[in-house]
Amino acid sequence: QVQLVESGGGLVQPGGSLRLSCAASGTLFNIVTMDWYRQAPGKQRELVAAITSSGMTNYADSVKGRFTISKTNAKDTLYLQMNNLKPEDTAVYYCYAFVAVPRATYWGQGTQVTVSS
């Protein structure tokens, strides 16, 4: 079992920055990948950024060059540094973890990010 709790969301002006955190607890050593997803009102949930246990990263085209995903070596904290935020980044951001053995997926409860002047 893995528990995920996000924090760090809030209201920010366009061009501003936020750093999201995801505190993970439970059985962490089998986590293969940890991701950030987001869901805007009326839209499907989409992958924002992913990082594997070895540190390989992947980003959605819409956030490349602006967002950076990182994690602690113990996999107990996942981060998303968001710079040059745009109104279209407004969404609820979710932390996600995939465990290979036994196969399971886990989600956090989400944290709201609002980019507005």
C-alpha atoms as a PDB file:
ATOM      1  CA  GLN A   1       0.000   0.000   0.000  1.00  0.00           C
ATOM      2  CA  VAL A   2       1.137   3.518  -0.821  1.00  0.00           C
ATOM      3  CA  GLN A   3      -0.402   6.728   0.447  1.00  0.00           C
ATOM      4  CA  LEU A   4       0.105   9.997  -1.437  1.00  0.00           C
ATOM      5  CA  VAL A   5      -0.606  13.499  -0.127  1.00  0.00           C
ATOM      6  CA  GLU A   6      -0.118  16.575  -2.302  1.00  0.00           C
ATOM      7  CA  SER A   7       0.543  20.103  -1.125  1.00  0.00           C
ATOM      8  CA  GLY A   8       1.730  23.432  -2.483  1.00  0.00           C
ATOM      9  CA  GLY A   9      -1.127  24.465  -4.708  1.00  0.00           C
ATOM     10  CA  GLY A  10      -2.649  27.926  -4.678  1.00  0.00           C
ATOM     11  CA  LEU A  11      -3.381  31.088  -6.608  1.00  0.00           C
ATOM     12  CA  VAL A  12      -0.560  32.638  -8.626  1.00  0.00           C
ATOM     13  CA  GLN A  13      -0.348  35.343 -11.262  1.00  0.00           C
ATOM     14  CA  PRO A  14       0.638  34.539 -14.837  1.00  0.00           C
ATOM     15  CA  GLY A  15       4.416  34.270 -15.081  1.00  0.00           C
ATOM     16  CA  GLY A  16       4.707  33.198 -11.469  1.00  0.00           C
ATOM     17  CA  SER A  17       6.025  29.999  -9.940  1.00  0.00           C
ATOM     18  CA  LEU A  18       4.804  27.278  -7.603  1.00  0.00           C
ATOM     19  CA  ARG A  19       6.345  24.109  -6.270  1.00  0.00           C
ATOM     20  CA  LEU A  20       4.074  21.142  -5.637  1.00  0.00           C
ATOM     21  CA  SER A  21       5.057  18.385  -3.237  1.00  0.00           C
ATOM     22  CA  CYS A  22       3.730  14.861  -2.866  1.00  0.00           C
ATOM     23  CA  ALA A  23       4.515  13.034   0.361  1.00  0.00           C
ATOM     24  CA  ALA A  24       4.534   9.279  -0.112  1.00  0.00           C
ATOM     25  CA  SER A  25       4.293   6.731   2.676  1.00  0.00           C
ATOM     26  CA  GLY A  26       3.867   2.989   2.952  1.00  0.00           C
ATOM     27  CA  THR A  27       5.720   0.383   0.900  1.00  0.00           C
ATOM     28  CA  LEU A  28       7.794   2.543  -1.432  1.00  0.00           C
ATOM     29  CA  PHE A  29      10.649   0.344  -2.640  1.00  0.00           C
ATOM     30  CA  ASN A  30       8.569  -1.252  -5.431  1.00  0.00           C
ATOM     31  CA  ILE A  31       7.488   2.053  -6.970  1.00  0.00           C
ATOM     32  CA  VAL A  32       8.475   2.037 -10.658  1.00  0.00           C
ATOM     33  CA  THR A  33       7.301   5.480 -11.673  1.00  0.00           C
ATOM     34  CA  MET A  34       5.844   8.550 -10.020  1.00  0.00           C
ATOM     35  CA  ASP A  35       3.907  11.057 -12.077  1.00  0.00           C
ATOM     36  CA  TRP A  36       2.042  14.329 -11.927  1.00  0.00           C
ATOM     37  CA  TYR A  37      -1.299  14.528 -13.698  1.00  0.00           C
ATOM     38  CA  ARG A  38      -3.718  17.434 -13.942  1.00  0.00           C
ATOM     39  CA  GLN A  39      -7.383  17.856 -14.696  1.00  0.00           C
ATOM     40  CA  ALA A  40      -8.951  21.149 -15.726  1.00  0.00           C
ATOM     41  CA  PRO A  41     -12.719  21.720 -15.503  1.00  0.00           C
ATOM     42  CA  GLY A  42     -14.517  19.929 -18.318  1.00  0.00           C
ATOM     43  CA  LYS A  43     -11.345  18.217 -19.544  1.00  0.00           C
ATOM     44  CA  GLN A  44      -9.829  14.780 -19.204  1.00  0.00           C
ATOM     45  CA  ARG A  45      -7.043  14.109 -16.759  1.00  0.00           C
ATOM     46  CA  GLU A  46      -3.698  14.421 -18.538  1.00  0.00           C
ATOM     47  CA  LEU A  47      -0.120  13.440 -17.794  1.00  0.00           C
ATOM     48  CA  VAL A  48       2.056  16.439 -16.974  1.00  0.00           C
ATOM     49  CA  ALA A  49       5.383  14.853 -16.026  1.00  0.00           C
ATOM     50  CA  ALA A  50       6.781  11.469 -15.057  1.00  0.00           C
ATOM     51  CA  ILE A  51       9.921  10.205 -13.382  1.00  0.00           C
ATOM     52  CA  THR A  52      11.113   6.628 -13.116  1.00  0.00           C
ATOM     53  CA  SER A  53      12.855   5.053 -10.163  1.00  0.00           C
ATOM     54  CA  SER A  54      16.151   5.501 -12.036  1.00  0.00           C
ATOM     55  CA  GLY A  55      15.487   9.199 -12.588  1.00  0.00           C
ATOM     56  CA  MET A  56      14.435   9.269 -16.229  1.00  0.00           C
ATOM     57  CA  THR A  57      11.916  12.027 -16.875  1.00  0.00           C
ATOM     58  CA  ASN A  58       9.217  12.741 -19.419  1.00  0.00           C
ATOM     59  CA  TYR A  59       7.093  15.852 -19.917  1.00  0.00           C
ATOM     60  CA  ALA A  60       3.988  16.891 -21.766  1.00  0.00           C
ATOM     61  CA  ASP A  61       4.849  19.197 -24.654  1.00  0.00           C
ATOM     62  CA  SER A  62       2.798  21.973 -23.089  1.00  0.00           C
ATOM     63  CA  VAL A  63       5.050  22.167 -20.015  1.00  0.00           C
ATOM     64  CA  LYS A  64       8.495  21.372 -21.430  1.00  0.00           C
ATOM     65  CA  GLY A  65      11.017  24.008 -20.438  1.00  0.00           C
ATOM     66  CA  ARG A  66       8.734  25.389 -17.712  1.00  0.00           C
ATOM     67  CA  PHE A  67       8.117  22.470 -15.317  1.00  0.00           C
ATOM     68  CA  THR A  68      10.636  20.209 -13.616  1.00  0.00           C
ATOM     69  CA  ILE A  69       9.803  16.926 -11.897  1.00  0.00           C
ATOM     70  CA  SER A  70      12.100  15.511  -9.236  1.00  0.00           C
ATOM     71  CA  LYS A  71      12.036  13.091  -6.310  1.00  0.00           C
ATOM     72  CA  THR A  72      14.037  12.130  -3.290  1.00  0.00           C
ATOM     73  CA  ASN A  73      16.171   8.969  -3.544  1.00  0.00           C
ATOM     74  CA  ALA A  74      13.960   7.321  -0.957  1.00  0.00           C
ATOM     75  CA  LYS A  75      10.925   7.995  -3.200  1.00  0.00           C
ATOM     76  CA  ASP A  76       9.186   9.512  -0.214  1.00  0.00           C
ATOM     77  CA  THR A  77       8.697  12.920  -1.773  1.00  0.00           C
ATOM     78  CA  LEU A  78       7.850  13.909  -5.329  1.00  0.00           C
ATOM     79  CA  TYR A  79       8.136  17.502  -6.511  1.00  0.00           C
ATOM     80  CA  LEU A  80       6.904  19.554  -9.425  1.00  0.00           C
ATOM     81  CA  GLN A  81       8.577  22.926  -9.893  1.00  0.00           C
ATOM     82  CA  MET A  82       6.352  25.056 -12.093  1.00  0.00           C
ATOM     83  CA  ASN A  83       7.753  28.260 -13.593  1.00  0.00           C
ATOM     84  CA  ASN A  84       6.322  30.805 -16.006  1.00  0.00           C
ATOM     85  CA  LEU A  85       2.821  29.637 -15.198  1.00  0.00           C
ATOM     86  CA  LYS A  86       0.038  30.342 -17.659  1.00  0.00           C
ATOM     87  CA  PRO A  87      -3.747  30.550 -17.173  1.00  0.00           C
ATOM     88  CA  GLU A  88      -4.075  27.288 -19.112  1.00  0.00           C
ATOM     89  CA  ASP A  89      -2.088  25.549 -16.364  1.00  0.00           C
ATOM     90  CA  THR A  90      -5.072  26.033 -14.048  1.00  0.00           C
ATOM     91  CA  ALA A  91      -6.193  22.598 -12.898  1.00  0.00           C
ATOM     92  CA  VAL A  92      -6.269  20.156 -10.032  1.00  0.00           C
ATOM     93  CA  TYR A  93      -2.863  18.465  -9.908  1.00  0.00           C
ATOM     94  CA  TYR A  94      -2.644  14.836  -8.818  1.00  0.00           C
ATOM     95  CA  CYS A  95       0.285  12.729  -7.692  1.00  0.00           C
ATOM     96  CA  TYR A  96       0.381   9.159  -9.046  1.00  0.00           C
ATOM     97  CA  ALA A  97       2.507   6.117  -8.305  1.00  0.00           C
ATOM     98  CA  PHE A  98       2.800   2.818 -10.161  1.00  0.00           C
ATOM     99  CA  VAL A  99       3.983  -0.289  -8.365  1.00  0.00           C
ATOM    100  CA  ALA A 100       5.022  -3.287 -10.462  1.00  0.00           C
ATOM    101  CA  VAL A 101       4.927  -6.071  -7.852  1.00  0.00           C
ATOM    102  CA  PRO A 102       2.200  -6.519  -6.932  1.00  0.00           C
ATOM    103  CA  ARG A 103       0.811  -4.439  -9.780  1.00  0.00           C
ATOM    104  CA  ALA A 104      -1.054  -1.450  -8.400  1.00  0.00           C
ATOM    105  CA  THR A 105      -1.655   2.249  -8.970  1.00  0.00           C
ATOM    106  CA  TYR A 106      -2.164   4.944  -6.367  1.00  0.00           C
ATOM    107  CA  TRP A 107      -3.489   8.510  -6.530  1.00  0.00           C
ATOM    108  CA  GLY A 108      -3.352  11.443  -4.182  1.00  0.00           C
ATOM    109  CA  GLN A 109      -6.374  13.592  -3.415  1.00  0.00           C
ATOM    110  CA  GLY A 110      -5.215  16.473  -5.622  1.00  0.00           C
ATOM    111  CA  THR A 111      -4.204  20.086  -5.076  1.00  0.00           C
ATOM    112  CA  GLN A 112      -5.727  23.075  -6.867  1.00  0.00           C
ATOM    113  CA  VAL A 113      -3.511  25.366  -8.929  1.00  0.00           C
ATOM    114  CA  THR A 114      -5.097  28.556 -10.221  1.00  0.00           C
ATOM    115  CA  VAL A 115      -3.216  30.927 -12.509  1.00  0.00           C
ATOM    116  CA  SER A 116      -5.011  34.241 -12.787  1.00  0.00           C
ATOM    117  CA  SER A 117      -4.402  37.953 -12.580  1.00  0.00           C
END
